[in-house]
Amino acid sequence: MSDIITLAHGSGGKTTGDLIKNIFVKHFNNDILMKNDDAASFMLSGKVAFTTDSFVITPVFFNGGNIGKLAICGTVNDLAALGATPLFLSCGFIIEEGLPIKELEAIVESMGNTAKEAGVKIVTGDTKVVQKNAADKIFINTSGIGIIPDGIDISGNNAKPGDKVIVTGTVGDHGCSILLERERLDIFTDLSSDCAPLNKMVGEVMAKTGNIHVMRDPTRGGVAATLNEIAVQSKVGIKLYENRIPVKDQVRGVCELLGMDPLYMANEGKMLIIAPDDSVDTIMSVLRNSAYGAQACIIGEVTDDHKGRVVMNTLAGGNRIVDMPVGDQLPRIC
C-alpha cells in the first residue's frame, strides 16, 4: 500500500479493499462490521435515539485529540444528551488525495480507541477520495443509534421554572485551544481540547436519578447559544451567575486579550444539565466523582421572567442579556 492516499483508494477496487482491510477493519473490528454486508443488521428494542453529524475541523490534529476522536465523542455525546445508551455508529470519510496514510491511520486508531472507551461499535461506513484541493485533508460524517430507557423524557422543551442549570466542567477549553493552534498566536499555554465521550458519566447520573429535564452538549456557539436555544424551546427565562461559571484562567486571559467571551466558545467534553432542585445534590455528587465531571458547577436557574432570553447576573452586580451569537467567531471548530 502506498504512503499517501491516491484516487485509486476511492475506486472500489483492490486498492480500496486494501485500505479498508489494513486501516479501518484493523481498528474498528467487531462482529457486526465483519459480516461485510452493504448495511449493518442488529436487534433493537425500546425507544431509539438517532443522530448524525459531520466534522470538518482544522487543524485535523490538535492538542487533546484529532478529527477522529472528535467525531466519536460528538456523536456519542449527542445520544447521551437524550439519556440514551449509545450502541452503534456509522462513519463516512471524504479524504483528499495526498493525505499521508500514517495520518489516516492515526485518526482511525483514535476513533477505535475512543469507541472502545465509550462502549460503542462502529458497524458500517463509507470511504470516498477526492482530488487534491477538493477538500481539506479529511472530512468525517458519523451517525449513531442508542436506546432510551423506559420512562425517560429528556428534551430541550422540558425546562421548568425553579430548575437548576449545571455545567459539568470548565467552559471554552476546546474553542480556545483550537484558536491558539490554528492562528499560531504567540501566546504560550498548556491548554488542550476537552474532547471526551461523556456517555458513561451521564449513564451513572441516570442510574441515580432519572429526574432530569434537559441535557445538551454546548458545542458550536458554546454555553450561550445552547441555553438560548433551550430558553426558546421551553418558553422560559434562564438566569446565570457570572461568579459561578467555571473558566480556566488561561481561557479567560486569552478571551480578554482577543475580545472574546468564554460563554460563546465551543466545548467538546462538557454537558449542560437542567434538573429540578430536588435532584441536584444527587447529580452533583455523581458528577464530582467522575473524571469528566470533577469541576461541575451549578451556574444558574430557570425562571418565569424574560421568557426566551438568557440573562446573567454580572460580577459588578448588574444584569446583562446573553444573546444568541450572530455569525461565527471561530468557524470549523468541530
Protein backbone atom coordinates (compact mmCIF):
# COMPACT_ATOMS: atom_id res chain seq x y z
CA MET A 1 0.00 0.00 0.00
CA SER A 2 1.33 3.47 -0.88
CA ASP A 3 2.34 6.03 1.76
CA ILE A 4 -0.32 8.55 0.71
CA ILE A 5 -3.98 8.45 -0.27
CA THR A 6 -4.48 8.32 -4.04
CA LEU A 7 -7.63 8.47 -6.14
CA ALA A 8 -7.31 4.69 -6.54
CA HIS A 9 -8.14 4.32 -2.85
CA GLY A 10 -11.65 5.55 -3.70
CA SER A 11 -12.10 3.41 -6.79
CA GLY A 12 -13.87 0.48 -5.16
CA GLY A 13 -11.25 -1.96 -6.42
CA LYS A 14 -8.33 -3.81 -4.85
CA THR A 15 -6.70 -0.62 -3.54
CA THR A 16 -9.90 0.34 -1.76
CA GLY A 17 -10.18 -3.17 -0.33
CA ASP A 18 -6.61 -2.99 0.95
CA LEU A 19 -7.30 0.36 2.62
CA ILE A 20 -10.43 -0.98 4.33
CA LYS A 21 -8.67 -4.13 5.48
CA ASN A 22 -5.39 -2.55 6.62
CA ILE A 23 -6.76 0.62 8.24
CA PHE A 24 -10.49 0.57 9.01
CA VAL A 25 -11.10 -3.10 9.83
CA LYS A 26 -7.84 -3.20 11.79
CA HIS A 27 -9.09 -0.54 14.24
CA PHE A 28 -12.90 -0.92 14.05
CA ASN A 29 -13.05 -4.73 14.12
CA ASN A 30 -16.29 -6.13 15.62
CA ASP A 31 -18.73 -8.94 14.89
CA ILE A 32 -21.32 -6.80 13.08
CA LEU A 33 -18.82 -4.95 10.88
CA MET A 34 -17.05 -8.18 9.93
CA LYS A 35 -20.13 -9.50 8.14
CA ASN A 36 -19.00 -7.20 5.29
CA ASP A 37 -22.56 -6.54 4.09
CA ASP A 38 -23.85 -3.38 2.41
CA ALA A 39 -25.57 -2.41 5.66
CA ALA A 40 -25.29 -3.39 9.31
CA SER A 41 -28.01 -5.53 10.85
CA PHE A 42 -28.73 -5.76 14.57
CA MET A 43 -31.59 -6.13 17.04
CA LEU A 44 -33.07 -3.18 18.93
CA SER A 45 -35.90 -2.89 21.42
CA GLY A 46 -37.44 0.11 23.11
CA LYS A 47 -37.27 3.83 22.35
CA VAL A 48 -34.44 4.68 19.95
CA ALA A 49 -32.27 7.81 19.71
CA PHE A 50 -30.67 8.52 16.34
CA THR A 51 -28.26 11.33 15.44
CA THR A 52 -25.87 12.35 12.68
CA ASP A 53 -23.06 14.88 12.45
CA SER A 54 -20.23 15.94 10.15
CA PHE A 55 -16.76 17.03 11.23
CA VAL A 56 -14.59 19.44 9.25
CA ILE A 57 -12.28 20.80 11.96
CA THR A 58 -9.00 22.48 11.14
CA PRO A 59 -6.34 21.66 12.20
CA VAL A 60 -7.08 17.95 11.85
CA PHE A 61 -4.71 17.15 14.74
CA PHE A 62 -4.84 19.32 17.86
CA ASN A 63 -3.74 19.27 21.49
CA GLY A 64 -6.12 16.83 23.17
CA GLY A 65 -7.27 14.90 20.11
CA ASN A 66 -7.91 14.86 16.39
CA ILE A 67 -10.85 14.89 13.99
CA GLY A 68 -11.44 11.17 14.53
CA LYS A 69 -11.68 11.31 18.31
CA LEU A 70 -13.87 14.40 17.96
CA ALA A 71 -16.24 12.58 15.59
CA ILE A 72 -16.82 9.72 18.04
CA CYS A 73 -17.17 11.99 21.08
CA GLY A 74 -19.53 14.39 19.33
CA THR A 75 -21.88 11.64 18.20
CA VAL A 76 -21.83 9.69 21.46
CA ASN A 77 -22.47 12.87 23.46
CA ASP A 78 -25.45 13.83 21.30
CA LEU A 79 -27.05 10.47 22.10
CA ALA A 80 -26.18 10.74 25.79
CA ALA A 81 -27.87 14.16 25.89
CA LEU A 82 -31.20 12.37 25.39
CA GLY A 83 -30.43 9.91 28.16
CA ALA A 84 -29.73 7.20 25.61
CA THR A 85 -27.18 4.41 25.88
CA PRO A 86 -25.16 4.70 22.63
CA LEU A 87 -24.73 1.37 20.87
CA PHE A 88 -23.80 1.63 17.20
CA LEU A 89 -22.09 4.21 14.99
CA SER A 90 -21.53 4.61 11.27
CA CYS A 91 -18.71 6.65 9.80
CA GLY A 92 -18.20 8.12 6.34
CA PHE A 93 -14.84 9.50 5.21
CA ILE A 94 -14.16 12.07 2.49
CA ILE A 95 -10.39 12.03 2.06
CA GLU A 96 -8.29 14.38 -0.04
CA GLU A 97 -5.79 12.82 -2.40
CA GLY A 98 -2.31 13.14 -0.93
CA LEU A 99 -3.22 12.63 2.74
CA PRO A 100 -0.42 10.54 4.31
CA ILE A 101 -1.57 7.02 5.16
CA LYS A 102 0.16 7.43 8.55
CA GLU A 103 -2.11 10.37 9.37
CA LEU A 104 -5.20 8.46 8.30
CA GLU A 105 -4.27 5.50 10.46
CA ALA A 106 -3.62 7.76 13.47
CA ILE A 107 -7.12 9.23 13.04
CA VAL A 108 -8.78 5.83 12.62
CA GLU A 109 -6.85 4.35 15.55
CA SER A 110 -8.04 7.16 17.83
CA MET A 111 -11.61 6.55 16.65
CA GLY A 112 -11.31 2.87 17.53
CA ASN A 113 -9.84 3.64 20.95
CA THR A 114 -12.49 6.27 21.74
CA ALA A 115 -15.28 3.93 20.62
CA LYS A 116 -13.94 1.29 23.00
CA GLU A 117 -13.82 3.81 25.86
CA ALA A 118 -17.43 4.78 25.13
CA GLY A 119 -18.52 1.15 24.76
CA VAL A 120 -19.91 1.57 21.23
CA LYS A 121 -19.33 -0.33 17.99
CA ILE A 122 -18.59 1.25 14.60
CA VAL A 123 -20.61 -1.12 12.44
CA THR A 124 -20.75 0.40 8.96
CA GLY A 125 -19.14 3.13 6.91
CA ASP A 126 -18.03 4.53 3.58
CA THR A 127 -14.86 5.98 2.06
CA LYS A 128 -14.58 8.46 -0.79
CA VAL A 129 -11.41 10.06 -2.16
CA VAL A 130 -11.46 13.44 -3.92
CA GLN A 131 -8.80 15.24 -5.95
CA LYS A 132 -6.16 17.35 -4.26
CA ASN A 133 -7.53 20.78 -3.23
CA ALA A 134 -11.12 19.50 -3.49
CA ALA A 135 -11.30 19.09 0.32
CA ASP A 136 -9.14 19.97 3.31
CA LYS A 137 -7.30 16.75 4.17
CA ILE A 138 -10.25 14.79 5.58
CA PHE A 139 -13.93 15.24 6.50
CA ILE A 140 -15.82 12.68 8.59
CA ASN A 141 -19.55 12.06 8.92
CA THR A 142 -20.87 9.91 11.74
CA SER A 143 -24.32 8.67 12.69
CA GLY A 144 -25.26 6.99 15.95
CA ILE A 145 -28.04 4.88 17.41
CA GLY A 146 -28.82 4.36 21.09
CA ILE A 147 -31.58 3.08 23.34
CA ILE A 148 -33.51 5.38 25.69
CA PRO A 149 -34.66 3.63 28.89
CA ASP A 150 -38.37 3.41 29.62
CA GLY A 151 -39.80 6.45 31.38
CA ILE A 152 -37.01 8.82 30.32
CA ASP A 153 -38.08 12.01 28.52
CA ILE A 154 -35.21 14.47 28.23
CA SER A 155 -35.71 17.32 25.78
CA GLY A 156 -34.97 20.99 25.21
CA ASN A 157 -38.72 21.55 25.61
CA ASN A 158 -38.77 20.38 29.24
CA ALA A 159 -37.05 23.14 31.28
CA LYS A 160 -39.29 24.34 34.12
CA PRO A 161 -39.12 27.44 36.37
CA GLY A 162 -37.20 26.52 39.52
CA ASP A 163 -34.89 24.08 37.71
CA LYS A 164 -31.17 24.49 38.27
CA VAL A 165 -28.61 24.77 35.44
CA ILE A 166 -25.47 22.64 35.83
CA VAL A 167 -22.36 22.59 33.65
CA THR A 168 -20.10 19.56 34.07
CA GLY A 169 -16.80 21.47 33.94
CA THR A 170 -14.84 24.48 32.75
CA VAL A 171 -16.18 26.22 29.65
CA GLY A 172 -14.41 27.30 26.48
CA ASP A 173 -11.46 24.88 26.62
CA HIS A 174 -11.94 23.38 23.15
CA GLY A 175 -12.64 26.59 21.27
CA CYS A 176 -9.76 28.45 22.92
CA SER A 177 -7.31 25.60 22.34
CA ILE A 178 -8.22 25.32 18.64
CA LEU A 179 -7.98 29.10 18.21
CA LEU A 180 -4.43 29.19 19.59
CA GLU A 181 -3.25 26.27 17.45
CA ARG A 182 -4.90 27.39 14.23
CA GLU A 183 -3.83 31.00 14.35
CA ARG A 184 -0.38 30.19 15.79
CA LEU A 185 -0.71 33.07 18.20
CA ASP A 186 2.37 33.95 20.22
CA ILE A 187 0.60 33.00 23.46
CA PHE A 188 2.06 30.14 25.46
CA THR A 189 -0.36 27.99 27.44
CA ASP A 190 -0.83 24.32 28.22
CA LEU A 191 -4.48 24.41 27.12
CA SER A 192 -5.88 21.37 25.37
CA SER A 193 -9.26 20.42 23.96
CA ASP A 194 -11.73 18.92 26.44
CA CYS A 195 -12.86 16.41 23.77
CA ALA A 196 -14.24 13.37 25.65
CA PRO A 197 -17.04 10.77 25.49
CA LEU A 198 -19.49 11.59 28.28
CA ASN A 199 -22.00 8.76 27.93
CA LYS A 200 -20.72 6.64 30.80
CA MET A 201 -20.71 9.60 33.18
CA VAL A 202 -24.23 10.51 32.07
CA GLY A 203 -25.26 6.87 32.48
CA GLU A 204 -24.06 6.94 36.08
CA VAL A 205 -26.14 10.06 36.71
CA MET A 206 -29.19 8.45 35.10
CA ALA A 207 -28.74 5.34 37.26
CA LYS A 208 -29.03 7.50 40.38
CA THR A 209 -31.83 9.79 39.18
CA GLY A 210 -33.90 9.83 36.01
CA ASN A 211 -35.36 13.16 37.11
CA ILE A 212 -33.56 15.34 34.54
CA HIS A 213 -35.45 17.71 32.27
CA VAL A 214 -32.82 18.81 29.72
CA MET A 215 -29.31 17.82 28.69
CA ARG A 216 -27.25 19.38 25.90
CA ASP A 217 -23.58 19.37 24.93
CA PRO A 218 -22.66 23.03 24.31
CA THR A 219 -20.54 22.73 21.17
CA ARG A 220 -20.76 25.42 18.45
CA GLY A 221 -21.86 28.72 20.00
CA GLY A 222 -20.93 27.42 23.44
CA VAL A 223 -22.98 27.68 26.61
CA ALA A 224 -24.56 30.95 25.45
CA ALA A 225 -26.06 29.59 22.22
CA THR A 226 -27.18 26.32 23.82
CA LEU A 227 -29.01 27.99 26.72
CA ASN A 228 -30.67 30.45 24.35
CA GLU A 229 -31.98 27.53 22.30
CA ILE A 230 -33.36 25.88 25.44
CA ALA A 231 -34.97 29.12 26.67
CA VAL A 232 -36.80 29.47 23.35
CA GLN A 233 -37.80 25.80 23.13
CA SER A 234 -39.14 25.68 26.69
CA LYS A 235 -40.57 29.23 26.66
CA VAL A 236 -38.75 30.09 29.89
CA GLY A 237 -36.10 32.52 31.07
CA ILE A 238 -32.67 31.39 32.20
CA LYS A 239 -30.65 33.33 34.77
CA LEU A 240 -26.88 32.78 35.02
CA TYR A 241 -24.49 33.89 37.75
CA GLU A 242 -21.14 35.03 36.37
CA ASN A 243 -19.28 34.27 39.59
CA ARG A 244 -20.32 30.61 39.40
CA ILE A 245 -19.27 29.88 35.81
CA PRO A 246 -16.07 27.79 35.82
CA VAL A 247 -13.48 29.20 33.40
CA LYS A 248 -9.78 28.37 33.41
CA ASP A 249 -7.54 31.37 34.00
CA GLN A 250 -5.77 30.72 30.68
CA VAL A 251 -9.05 30.68 28.77
CA ARG A 252 -10.21 33.84 30.50
CA GLY A 253 -6.89 35.54 29.74
CA VAL A 254 -6.91 34.62 26.04
CA CYS A 255 -10.53 35.72 25.67
CA GLU A 256 -9.88 39.07 27.36
CA LEU A 257 -6.83 39.63 25.15
CA LEU A 258 -8.76 38.89 21.95
CA GLY A 259 -12.09 40.46 22.94
CA MET A 260 -13.95 37.13 23.07
CA ASP A 261 -16.34 35.64 25.62
CA PRO A 262 -15.79 32.11 27.05
CA LEU A 263 -19.57 31.60 27.10
CA TYR A 264 -19.54 31.58 23.28
CA MET A 265 -16.52 29.25 22.97
CA ALA A 266 -17.13 25.67 21.88
CA ASN A 267 -16.89 22.72 24.26
CA GLU A 268 -16.49 19.08 23.24
CA GLY A 269 -16.36 17.37 26.62
CA LYS A 270 -18.95 19.18 28.69
CA MET A 271 -22.68 18.70 29.27
CA LEU A 272 -25.33 21.18 30.37
CA ILE A 273 -27.88 19.56 32.69
CA ILE A 274 -31.14 21.23 33.71
CA ALA A 275 -32.92 19.44 36.53
CA PRO A 276 -35.36 20.02 39.41
CA ASP A 277 -33.85 21.29 42.64
CA ASP A 278 -34.52 18.01 44.48
CA SER A 279 -32.29 16.09 42.02
CA VAL A 280 -29.35 18.49 42.05
CA ASP A 281 -27.45 17.13 45.07
CA THR A 282 -27.53 13.60 43.64
CA ILE A 283 -26.44 14.77 40.19
CA MET A 284 -23.58 16.87 41.58
CA SER A 285 -22.36 14.02 43.78
CA VAL A 286 -22.12 11.65 40.81
CA LEU A 287 -20.52 14.24 38.54
CA ARG A 288 -17.84 15.23 41.03
CA ASN A 289 -16.83 11.59 41.46
CA SER A 290 -16.26 11.29 37.69
CA ALA A 291 -13.04 12.25 35.90
CA TYR A 292 -15.06 14.21 33.34
CA GLY A 293 -17.30 15.96 35.88
CA ALA A 294 -14.97 16.78 38.78
CA GLN A 295 -15.32 20.54 38.17
CA ALA A 296 -19.10 20.56 37.75
CA CYS A 297 -20.89 23.70 38.96
CA ILE A 298 -24.44 24.98 39.38
CA ILE A 299 -24.33 28.12 37.23
CA GLY A 300 -27.91 29.31 37.08
CA GLU A 301 -31.62 28.63 37.24
CA VAL A 302 -34.73 28.59 35.10
CA THR A 303 -37.22 31.40 35.72
CA ASP A 304 -40.65 32.66 34.70
CA ASP A 305 -39.10 36.04 33.84
CA HIS A 306 -37.76 37.26 30.47
CA LYS A 307 -39.08 34.20 28.61
CA GLY A 308 -36.98 33.11 25.67
CA ARG A 309 -33.92 35.00 26.97
CA VAL A 310 -30.78 34.28 28.95
CA VAL A 311 -29.77 36.96 31.47
CA MET A 312 -26.57 36.96 33.51
CA ASN A 313 -26.03 38.48 36.92
CA THR A 314 -22.57 40.03 36.47
CA LEU A 315 -19.62 40.29 38.83
CA ALA A 316 -20.41 44.02 39.11
CA GLY A 317 -23.86 43.20 40.47
CA GLY A 318 -25.88 44.20 37.40
CA ASN A 319 -27.62 42.12 34.79
CA ARG A 320 -26.87 41.73 31.09
CA ILE A 321 -28.56 39.84 28.31
CA VAL A 322 -26.58 36.91 26.95
CA ASP A 323 -27.73 36.94 23.32
CA MET A 324 -27.71 34.19 20.75
CA PRO A 325 -24.46 34.68 18.76
CA VAL A 326 -24.73 36.25 15.33
CA GLY A 327 -22.23 34.75 12.90
CA ASP A 328 -19.38 32.50 13.98
CA GLN A 329 -16.48 33.92 15.95
CA LEU A 330 -14.43 30.76 15.26
CA PRO A 331 -15.54 28.59 12.31
CA ARG A 332 -14.59 24.95 11.80
CA ILE A 333 -14.06 24.03 15.43
CA CYS A 334 -15.80 20.66 15.01
